[in-house]
Amino acid sequence: MLFHLAEILLAVTFGYQAPRLTTVTPPSVPRNVVIGNTVLAIADVNAVGTVTQIRLLQGAEPFAGEAVKAISQWHFDPAHSDRDAVASEVSALIMFRPHTPSAMPR
């Protein structure tokens, strides 16, 4: 809720509109894992909506690698400031869950 209030304040005060995710490629879940993992990353998005860099803040392999592969394929409507497209940062939190025994390939 606080994030939405801050975004509204920025939009009203400075004419800022946050980037909007338009294309999502979900990450592949690594096979033969028995535990889950959470990956937290920050992605730089350029003024045309392409992810240009990803910084990992949390996450272990092989989950982190799968998250980076997926995030690098995401696309956004870019952020806007006073009607001009601008570069921005977005945070991504991806939670991996282990396969259930009934869903595991044989």
N, C-alpha and C. Protein backbone atom coordinates (compact mmCIF):
# COMPACT_ATOMS: atom_id res chain seq x y z
N MET A 1 0.82 -1.19 0.00
CA MET A 1 0.00 0.00 0.00
C MET A 1 0.87 1.26 0.00
N LEU A 2 1.92 1.26 0.82
CA LEU A 2 2.80 2.43 0.88
C LEU A 2 3.45 2.68 -0.47
N PHE A 3 3.87 1.60 -1.17
CA PHE A 3 4.49 1.76 -2.49
C PHE A 3 3.53 2.45 -3.44
N HIS A 4 2.26 2.05 -3.43
CA HIS A 4 1.29 2.66 -4.33
C HIS A 4 1.09 4.14 -4.01
N LEU A 5 1.09 4.49 -2.74
CA LEU A 5 0.95 5.90 -2.36
C LEU A 5 2.15 6.71 -2.83
N ALA A 6 3.34 6.14 -2.70
CA ALA A 6 4.55 6.83 -3.16
C ALA A 6 4.52 7.01 -4.67
N GLU A 7 4.05 5.99 -5.39
CA GLU A 7 3.97 6.07 -6.85
C GLU A 7 2.97 7.14 -7.27
N ILE A 8 1.84 7.22 -6.59
CA ILE A 8 0.84 8.24 -6.89
C ILE A 8 1.41 9.63 -6.62
N LEU A 9 2.11 9.78 -5.50
CA LEU A 9 2.71 11.07 -5.17
C LEU A 9 3.72 11.48 -6.23
N LEU A 10 4.55 10.54 -6.68
CA LEU A 10 5.51 10.85 -7.74
C LEU A 10 4.80 11.26 -9.03
N ALA A 11 3.74 10.57 -9.38
CA ALA A 11 3.01 10.87 -10.61
C ALA A 11 2.39 12.26 -10.56
N VAL A 12 1.82 12.60 -9.42
CA VAL A 12 1.16 13.90 -9.29
C VAL A 12 2.19 15.02 -9.20
N THR A 13 3.24 14.81 -8.43
CA THR A 13 4.22 15.85 -8.19
C THR A 13 5.17 16.05 -9.36
N PHE A 14 5.68 14.97 -9.93
CA PHE A 14 6.73 15.08 -10.93
C PHE A 14 6.32 14.56 -12.31
N GLY A 15 5.10 14.11 -12.48
CA GLY A 15 4.69 13.56 -13.76
C GLY A 15 5.38 12.26 -14.08
N TYR A 16 5.65 11.43 -13.06
CA TYR A 16 6.36 10.16 -13.24
C TYR A 16 5.36 9.01 -13.33
N GLN A 17 5.59 8.13 -14.29
CA GLN A 17 4.81 6.90 -14.41
C GLN A 17 5.78 5.73 -14.41
N ALA A 18 5.57 4.80 -13.51
CA ALA A 18 6.46 3.64 -13.38
C ALA A 18 6.38 2.73 -14.61
N PRO A 19 7.43 1.94 -14.85
CA PRO A 19 7.38 0.99 -15.98
C PRO A 19 6.30 -0.06 -15.73
N ARG A 20 5.76 -0.59 -16.82
CA ARG A 20 4.72 -1.61 -16.72
C ARG A 20 5.16 -2.85 -17.48
N LEU A 21 5.16 -3.97 -16.79
CA LEU A 21 5.58 -5.24 -17.38
C LEU A 21 4.58 -5.67 -18.45
N THR A 22 5.07 -5.95 -19.65
CA THR A 22 4.19 -6.34 -20.76
C THR A 22 4.44 -7.76 -21.25
N THR A 23 5.67 -8.25 -21.14
CA THR A 23 6.01 -9.60 -21.58
C THR A 23 6.76 -10.31 -20.47
N VAL A 24 6.23 -11.44 -20.04
CA VAL A 24 6.86 -12.21 -18.96
C VAL A 24 7.23 -13.59 -19.47
N THR A 25 8.47 -13.97 -19.25
CA THR A 25 8.92 -15.33 -19.51
C THR A 25 9.14 -15.96 -18.15
N PRO A 26 8.35 -16.97 -17.78
CA PRO A 26 8.55 -17.57 -16.46
C PRO A 26 9.85 -18.36 -16.41
N PRO A 27 10.47 -18.41 -15.24
CA PRO A 27 11.71 -19.18 -15.12
C PRO A 27 11.43 -20.68 -15.15
N SER A 28 12.39 -21.43 -15.62
CA SER A 28 12.30 -22.90 -15.55
C SER A 28 12.63 -23.33 -14.13
N VAL A 29 11.92 -24.31 -13.65
CA VAL A 29 12.20 -24.84 -12.31
C VAL A 29 13.26 -25.92 -12.47
N PRO A 30 14.40 -25.76 -11.79
CA PRO A 30 15.44 -26.79 -11.90
C PRO A 30 14.92 -28.17 -11.52
N ARG A 31 15.34 -29.19 -12.25
CA ARG A 31 14.90 -30.56 -11.98
C ARG A 31 15.69 -31.15 -10.81
N ASN A 32 15.08 -32.12 -10.21
CA ASN A 32 15.71 -32.92 -9.16
C ASN A 32 16.13 -32.09 -7.96
N VAL A 33 15.40 -31.02 -7.66
CA VAL A 33 15.67 -30.27 -6.43
C VAL A 33 14.63 -30.67 -5.39
N VAL A 34 15.05 -30.70 -4.15
CA VAL A 34 14.13 -31.10 -3.08
C VAL A 34 13.76 -29.94 -2.18
N ILE A 35 14.38 -28.79 -2.42
CA ILE A 35 14.04 -27.61 -1.65
C ILE A 35 13.69 -26.48 -2.61
N GLY A 36 13.04 -25.47 -2.11
CA GLY A 36 12.74 -24.29 -2.90
C GLY A 36 13.77 -23.21 -2.63
N ASN A 37 13.58 -22.07 -3.27
CA ASN A 37 14.50 -20.96 -3.08
C ASN A 37 13.79 -19.69 -3.53
N THR A 38 14.23 -18.58 -2.99
CA THR A 38 13.70 -17.28 -3.38
C THR A 38 14.83 -16.46 -3.97
N VAL A 39 14.57 -15.85 -5.12
CA VAL A 39 15.56 -15.01 -5.78
C VAL A 39 15.03 -13.58 -5.79
N LEU A 40 15.87 -12.66 -5.35
CA LEU A 40 15.54 -11.24 -5.36
C LEU A 40 16.55 -10.55 -6.25
N ALA A 41 16.06 -9.79 -7.22
CA ALA A 41 16.94 -9.13 -8.19
C ALA A 41 16.42 -7.73 -8.50
N ILE A 42 17.32 -6.89 -8.97
CA ILE A 42 16.95 -5.57 -9.48
C ILE A 42 17.36 -5.54 -10.95
N ALA A 43 16.40 -5.15 -11.79
CA ALA A 43 16.66 -5.10 -13.23
C ALA A 43 16.65 -3.65 -13.69
N ASP A 44 17.66 -3.28 -14.46
CA ASP A 44 17.68 -1.97 -15.11
C ASP A 44 16.88 -2.09 -16.41
N VAL A 45 15.98 -1.15 -16.63
CA VAL A 45 15.13 -1.13 -17.82
C VAL A 45 15.43 0.16 -18.57
N ASN A 46 15.77 0.05 -19.85
CA ASN A 46 16.11 1.26 -20.62
C ASN A 46 14.84 1.98 -21.08
N ALA A 47 15.02 3.06 -21.82
CA ALA A 47 13.91 3.91 -22.22
C ALA A 47 13.02 3.30 -23.31
N VAL A 48 13.39 2.13 -23.83
CA VAL A 48 12.50 1.44 -24.76
C VAL A 48 11.86 0.20 -24.13
N GLY A 49 12.18 -0.06 -22.85
CA GLY A 49 11.54 -1.14 -22.11
C GLY A 49 12.28 -2.46 -22.08
N THR A 50 13.54 -2.45 -22.51
CA THR A 50 14.36 -3.66 -22.53
C THR A 50 15.19 -3.75 -21.25
N VAL A 51 15.28 -4.94 -20.68
CA VAL A 51 16.13 -5.17 -19.51
C VAL A 51 17.58 -5.15 -19.98
N THR A 52 18.39 -4.28 -19.37
CA THR A 52 19.78 -4.13 -19.80
C THR A 52 20.78 -4.71 -18.81
N GLN A 53 20.40 -4.84 -17.56
CA GLN A 53 21.30 -5.38 -16.54
C GLN A 53 20.47 -5.94 -15.40
N ILE A 54 20.96 -7.01 -14.78
CA ILE A 54 20.28 -7.62 -13.64
C ILE A 54 21.29 -7.77 -12.52
N ARG A 55 20.92 -7.29 -11.34
CA ARG A 55 21.76 -7.43 -10.16
C ARG A 55 21.06 -8.35 -9.16
N LEU A 56 21.71 -9.43 -8.81
CA LEU A 56 21.15 -10.36 -7.84
C LEU A 56 21.42 -9.87 -6.43
N LEU A 57 20.38 -9.84 -5.62
CA LEU A 57 20.52 -9.46 -4.22
C LEU A 57 20.44 -10.67 -3.31
N GLN A 58 19.72 -11.71 -3.77
CA GLN A 58 19.55 -12.92 -2.97
C GLN A 58 19.21 -14.07 -3.89
N GLY A 59 19.70 -15.24 -3.56
CA GLY A 59 19.35 -16.44 -4.33
C GLY A 59 20.55 -17.31 -4.55
N ALA A 60 20.30 -18.61 -4.56
CA ALA A 60 21.37 -19.60 -4.75
C ALA A 60 21.19 -20.29 -6.10
N GLU A 61 22.30 -20.81 -6.61
CA GLU A 61 22.25 -21.59 -7.86
C GLU A 61 21.62 -22.94 -7.54
N PRO A 62 20.92 -23.52 -8.47
CA PRO A 62 20.71 -23.12 -9.86
C PRO A 62 19.55 -22.15 -10.05
N PHE A 63 18.89 -21.79 -8.95
CA PHE A 63 17.71 -20.92 -9.04
C PHE A 63 18.05 -19.52 -9.55
N ALA A 64 19.14 -18.95 -9.06
CA ALA A 64 19.53 -17.60 -9.47
C ALA A 64 19.76 -17.53 -10.98
N GLY A 65 20.44 -18.52 -11.53
CA GLY A 65 20.70 -18.54 -12.96
C GLY A 65 19.42 -18.62 -13.78
N GLU A 66 18.47 -19.44 -13.33
CA GLU A 66 17.19 -19.56 -14.04
C GLU A 66 16.40 -18.25 -13.96
N ALA A 67 16.47 -17.58 -12.80
CA ALA A 67 15.78 -16.30 -12.66
C ALA A 67 16.38 -15.25 -13.58
N VAL A 68 17.70 -15.19 -13.65
CA VAL A 68 18.36 -14.21 -14.53
C VAL A 68 18.00 -14.47 -15.99
N LYS A 69 17.98 -15.74 -16.41
CA LYS A 69 17.59 -16.07 -17.79
C LYS A 69 16.18 -15.56 -18.09
N ALA A 70 15.27 -15.77 -17.16
CA ALA A 70 13.88 -15.36 -17.38
C ALA A 70 13.74 -13.84 -17.38
N ILE A 71 14.30 -13.17 -16.38
CA ILE A 71 14.17 -11.71 -16.26
C ILE A 71 14.77 -11.01 -17.48
N SER A 72 15.86 -11.55 -18.00
CA SER A 72 16.51 -10.90 -19.15
C SER A 72 15.61 -10.89 -20.39
N GLN A 73 14.59 -11.74 -20.41
CA GLN A 73 13.67 -11.79 -21.54
C GLN A 73 12.40 -10.97 -21.31
N TRP A 74 12.23 -10.43 -20.13
CA TRP A 74 11.04 -9.62 -19.86
C TRP A 74 11.09 -8.32 -20.66
N HIS A 75 9.93 -7.76 -20.93
CA HIS A 75 9.85 -6.47 -21.62
C HIS A 75 8.82 -5.61 -20.93
N PHE A 76 9.06 -4.31 -20.96
CA PHE A 76 8.23 -3.34 -20.24
C PHE A 76 7.77 -2.22 -21.16
N ASP A 77 6.63 -1.62 -20.82
CA ASP A 77 6.35 -0.27 -21.30
C ASP A 77 7.24 0.57 -20.41
N PRO A 78 8.11 1.39 -20.96
CA PRO A 78 9.09 2.08 -20.11
C PRO A 78 8.45 3.08 -19.16
N ALA A 79 9.22 3.46 -18.16
CA ALA A 79 8.79 4.53 -17.26
C ALA A 79 8.72 5.83 -18.05
N HIS A 80 7.90 6.74 -17.58
CA HIS A 80 7.79 8.05 -18.22
C HIS A 80 7.91 9.16 -17.18
N SER A 81 8.57 10.20 -17.56
CA SER A 81 8.68 11.40 -16.73
C SER A 81 8.29 12.57 -17.62
N ASP A 82 7.22 13.24 -17.25
CA ASP A 82 6.70 14.34 -18.07
C ASP A 82 6.55 13.91 -19.53
N ARG A 83 5.94 12.76 -19.74
CA ARG A 83 5.63 12.20 -21.06
C ARG A 83 6.84 11.67 -21.84
N ASP A 84 8.04 11.80 -21.31
CA ASP A 84 9.23 11.28 -21.97
C ASP A 84 9.58 9.91 -21.38
N ALA A 85 9.87 8.94 -22.26
CA ALA A 85 10.31 7.63 -21.77
C ALA A 85 11.69 7.77 -21.13
N VAL A 86 11.86 7.13 -19.98
CA VAL A 86 13.12 7.22 -19.24
C VAL A 86 13.53 5.83 -18.75
N ALA A 87 14.82 5.66 -18.50
CA ALA A 87 15.33 4.43 -17.91
C ALA A 87 14.88 4.34 -16.46
N SER A 88 14.80 3.12 -15.94
CA SER A 88 14.35 2.92 -14.57
C SER A 88 14.89 1.60 -14.03
N GLU A 89 14.55 1.32 -12.79
CA GLU A 89 14.88 0.06 -12.14
C GLU A 89 13.59 -0.59 -11.66
N VAL A 90 13.55 -1.91 -11.74
CA VAL A 90 12.43 -2.65 -11.16
C VAL A 90 12.99 -3.77 -10.30
N SER A 91 12.29 -4.10 -9.26
CA SER A 91 12.71 -5.23 -8.44
C SER A 91 11.87 -6.44 -8.82
N ALA A 92 12.48 -7.60 -8.72
CA ALA A 92 11.80 -8.86 -9.04
C ALA A 92 12.04 -9.85 -7.92
N LEU A 93 10.97 -10.45 -7.46
CA LEU A 93 11.04 -11.48 -6.43
C LEU A 93 10.44 -12.75 -7.05
N ILE A 94 11.25 -13.77 -7.20
CA ILE A 94 10.79 -15.02 -7.79
C ILE A 94 10.95 -16.12 -6.76
N MET A 95 9.84 -16.81 -6.49
CA MET A 95 9.85 -17.90 -5.51
C MET A 95 9.77 -19.23 -6.26
N PHE A 96 10.73 -20.08 -6.01
CA PHE A 96 10.76 -21.42 -6.60
C PHE A 96 10.27 -22.41 -5.55
N ARG A 97 9.41 -23.30 -5.98
CA ARG A 97 8.90 -24.36 -5.11
C ARG A 97 9.39 -25.70 -5.67
N PRO A 98 9.74 -26.64 -4.80
CA PRO A 98 10.16 -27.94 -5.32
C PRO A 98 8.97 -28.67 -5.95
N HIS A 99 9.29 -29.56 -6.88
CA HIS A 99 8.24 -30.38 -7.50
C HIS A 99 7.61 -31.27 -6.44
N THR A 100 6.32 -31.48 -6.54
CA THR A 100 5.68 -32.45 -5.66
C THR A 100 5.97 -33.84 -6.22
N PRO A 101 6.02 -34.85 -5.38
CA PRO A 101 6.35 -36.20 -5.86
C PRO A 101 5.45 -36.66 -7.01
N SER A 102 4.17 -36.31 -6.99
CA SER A 102 3.26 -36.76 -8.05
C SER A 102 3.53 -36.03 -9.36
N ALA A 103 4.17 -34.83 -9.31
CA ALA A 103 4.43 -34.06 -10.50
C ALA A 103 5.83 -34.30 -11.07
N MET A 104 6.65 -35.07 -10.37
CA MET A 104 8.02 -35.34 -10.82
C MET A 104 7.98 -36.23 -12.05
N PRO A 105 8.79 -35.91 -13.07
CA PRO A 105 8.87 -36.79 -14.24
C PRO A 105 9.50 -38.11 -13.87
N ARG A 106 9.08 -39.16 -14.53
CA ARG A 106 9.62 -40.50 -14.22
C ARG A 106 10.71 -40.88 -15.15
